[in-house]
Amino acid sequence: MTVMTSDAILKRVRGICLSLDDTAERVSWGHPTFTVGGRTFAVFEEYKDEWCMCFRVEKAHQPLFLKDPRFFIARNTQPSPAAF
């Protein structure tokens, strides 16, 4: 198994996110943040010593993701119809 560096992972994620229409990247709170129409949809950050992507997921779809142990609700999520 090949272990990717955080730079290699970010390069791959950046290519995917920026290939979407009307997306942009900015740094927010020290993290690469991807937006569409000025609204955040993904953030690349380190959490518990592991690199991860936070994605905006509508509340109705969250249970589908949370069945998989690789997904969790981010610690800094505020109550809203969608969470990261």
C-alpha atoms as a PDB file:
ATOM      1  CA  MET A   1       0.000   0.000   0.000  1.00  0.00           C
ATOM      2  CA  THR A   2       1.315   3.442  -0.942  1.00  0.00           C
ATOM      3  CA  VAL A   3       1.041   6.144   1.710  1.00  0.00           C
ATOM      4  CA  MET A   4       0.312   9.569   0.255  1.00  0.00           C
ATOM      5  CA  THR A   5       1.678  12.745   1.800  1.00  0.00           C
ATOM      6  CA  SER A   6      -0.703  15.514   2.802  1.00  0.00           C
ATOM      7  CA  ASP A   7       0.601  17.581  -0.147  1.00  0.00           C
ATOM      8  CA  ALA A   8      -0.172  14.748  -2.587  1.00  0.00           C
ATOM      9  CA  ILE A   9      -3.644  14.283  -1.115  1.00  0.00           C
ATOM     10  CA  LEU A  10      -4.367  18.017  -1.288  1.00  0.00           C
ATOM     11  CA  LYS A  11      -3.148  18.147  -4.893  1.00  0.00           C
ATOM     12  CA  ARG A  12      -5.560  15.349  -5.821  1.00  0.00           C
ATOM     13  CA  VAL A  13      -8.474  16.875  -3.871  1.00  0.00           C
ATOM     14  CA  ARG A  14      -7.738  20.315  -5.343  1.00  0.00           C
ATOM     15  CA  GLY A  15      -7.899  18.871  -8.861  1.00  0.00           C
ATOM     16  CA  ILE A  16     -11.279  17.268  -8.170  1.00  0.00           C
ATOM     17  CA  CYS A  17     -12.837  20.250  -6.394  1.00  0.00           C
ATOM     18  CA  LEU A  18     -11.605  22.884  -8.845  1.00  0.00           C
ATOM     19  CA  SER A  19     -12.811  20.855 -11.825  1.00  0.00           C
ATOM     20  CA  LEU A  20     -16.384  21.613 -10.724  1.00  0.00           C
ATOM     21  CA  ASP A  21     -18.130  24.634 -12.239  1.00  0.00           C
ATOM     22  CA  ASP A  22     -17.818  27.982 -10.419  1.00  0.00           C
ATOM     23  CA  THR A  23     -15.573  26.651  -7.634  1.00  0.00           C
ATOM     24  CA  ALA A  24     -12.762  28.535  -5.943  1.00  0.00           C
ATOM     25  CA  GLU A  25     -10.176  27.819  -3.269  1.00  0.00           C
ATOM     26  CA  ARG A  26      -9.281  30.083  -0.379  1.00  0.00           C
ATOM     27  CA  VAL A  27      -7.588  29.674   2.974  1.00  0.00           C
ATOM     28  CA  SER A  28      -9.971  29.910   5.900  1.00  0.00           C
ATOM     29  CA  TRP A  29      -8.815  29.396   9.508  1.00  0.00           C
ATOM     30  CA  GLY A  30      -5.528  28.155   8.066  1.00  0.00           C
ATOM     31  CA  HIS A  31      -7.120  25.398   5.973  1.00  0.00           C
ATOM     32  CA  PRO A  32      -7.623  25.028   2.216  1.00  0.00           C
ATOM     33  CA  THR A  33     -11.330  25.660   1.747  1.00  0.00           C
ATOM     34  CA  PHE A  34     -13.320  25.061  -1.438  1.00  0.00           C
ATOM     35  CA  THR A  35     -16.338  27.187  -2.272  1.00  0.00           C
ATOM     36  CA  VAL A  36     -19.008  27.486  -4.909  1.00  0.00           C
ATOM     37  CA  GLY A  37     -20.932  30.725  -5.221  1.00  0.00           C
ATOM     38  CA  GLY A  38     -19.059  31.987  -2.149  1.00  0.00           C
ATOM     39  CA  ARG A  39     -20.340  29.152   0.063  1.00  0.00           C
ATOM     40  CA  THR A  40     -18.054  26.513   1.541  1.00  0.00           C
ATOM     41  CA  PHE A  41     -18.625  22.928   0.451  1.00  0.00           C
ATOM     42  CA  ALA A  42     -15.343  21.270   1.495  1.00  0.00           C
ATOM     43  CA  VAL A  43     -12.392  21.855   3.831  1.00  0.00           C
ATOM     44  CA  PHE A  44      -9.060  19.984   3.992  1.00  0.00           C
ATOM     45  CA  GLU A  45      -7.674  19.803   7.530  1.00  0.00           C
ATOM     46  CA  GLU A  46      -5.853  17.710  10.098  1.00  0.00           C
ATOM     47  CA  TYR A  47      -8.003  16.172  12.828  1.00  0.00           C
ATOM     48  CA  LYS A  48      -6.723  13.813  15.528  1.00  0.00           C
ATOM     49  CA  ASP A  49      -3.361  13.560  13.721  1.00  0.00           C
ATOM     50  CA  GLU A  50      -4.980  12.472  10.435  1.00  0.00           C
ATOM     51  CA  TRP A  51      -5.678  14.447   7.272  1.00  0.00           C
ATOM     52  CA  CYS A  52      -9.334  14.566   6.359  1.00  0.00           C
ATOM     53  CA  MET A  53     -11.860  16.297   4.152  1.00  0.00           C
ATOM     54  CA  CYS A  54     -14.916  17.916   5.619  1.00  0.00           C
ATOM     55  CA  PHE A  55     -17.854  18.050   3.211  1.00  0.00           C
ATOM     56  CA  ARG A  56     -21.136  19.844   3.526  1.00  0.00           C
ATOM     57  CA  VAL A  57     -23.888  17.217   3.630  1.00  0.00           C
ATOM     58  CA  GLU A  58     -27.582  17.986   3.862  1.00  0.00           C
ATOM     59  CA  LYS A  59     -29.125  16.748   7.103  1.00  0.00           C
ATOM     60  CA  ALA A  60     -31.412  14.288   5.280  1.00  0.00           C
ATOM     61  CA  HIS A  61     -28.347  12.537   3.785  1.00  0.00           C
ATOM     62  CA  GLN A  62     -26.158  12.453   6.901  1.00  0.00           C
ATOM     63  CA  PRO A  63     -27.438   9.048   8.156  1.00  0.00           C
ATOM     64  CA  LEU A  64     -26.268   7.456   4.895  1.00  0.00           C
ATOM     65  CA  PHE A  65     -22.711   8.633   5.538  1.00  0.00           C
ATOM     66  CA  LEU A  66     -22.727   7.988   9.287  1.00  0.00           C
ATOM     67  CA  LYS A  67     -23.347   4.261   8.716  1.00  0.00           C
ATOM     68  CA  ASP A  68     -19.726   4.131   7.531  1.00  0.00           C
ATOM     69  CA  PRO A  69     -17.132   4.524  10.359  1.00  0.00           C
ATOM     70  CA  ARG A  70     -14.899   6.636   8.092  1.00  0.00           C
ATOM     71  CA  PHE A  71     -17.436   9.491   8.347  1.00  0.00           C
ATOM     72  CA  PHE A  72     -18.342  11.570  11.400  1.00  0.00           C
ATOM     73  CA  ILE A  73     -19.918  14.913  12.207  1.00  0.00           C
ATOM     74  CA  ALA A  74     -17.189  17.513  12.630  1.00  0.00           C
ATOM     75  CA  ARG A  75     -16.537  18.726  16.146  1.00  0.00           C
ATOM     76  CA  ASN A  76     -17.109  22.388  15.256  1.00  0.00           C
ATOM     77  CA  THR A  77     -20.434  21.947  13.482  1.00  0.00           C
ATOM     78  CA  GLN A  78     -23.169  24.332  14.509  1.00  0.00           C
ATOM     79  CA  PRO A  79     -26.819  23.285  14.303  1.00  0.00           C
ATOM     80  CA  SER A  80     -28.019  23.837  10.743  1.00  0.00           C
ATOM     81  CA  PRO A  81     -29.886  22.011   7.995  1.00  0.00           C
ATOM     82  CA  ALA A  82     -26.493  20.855   6.690  1.00  0.00           C
ATOM     83  CA  ALA A  83     -23.344  19.912   8.554  1.00  0.00           C
ATOM     84  CA  PHE A  84     -19.753  19.009   7.828  1.00  0.00           C
END
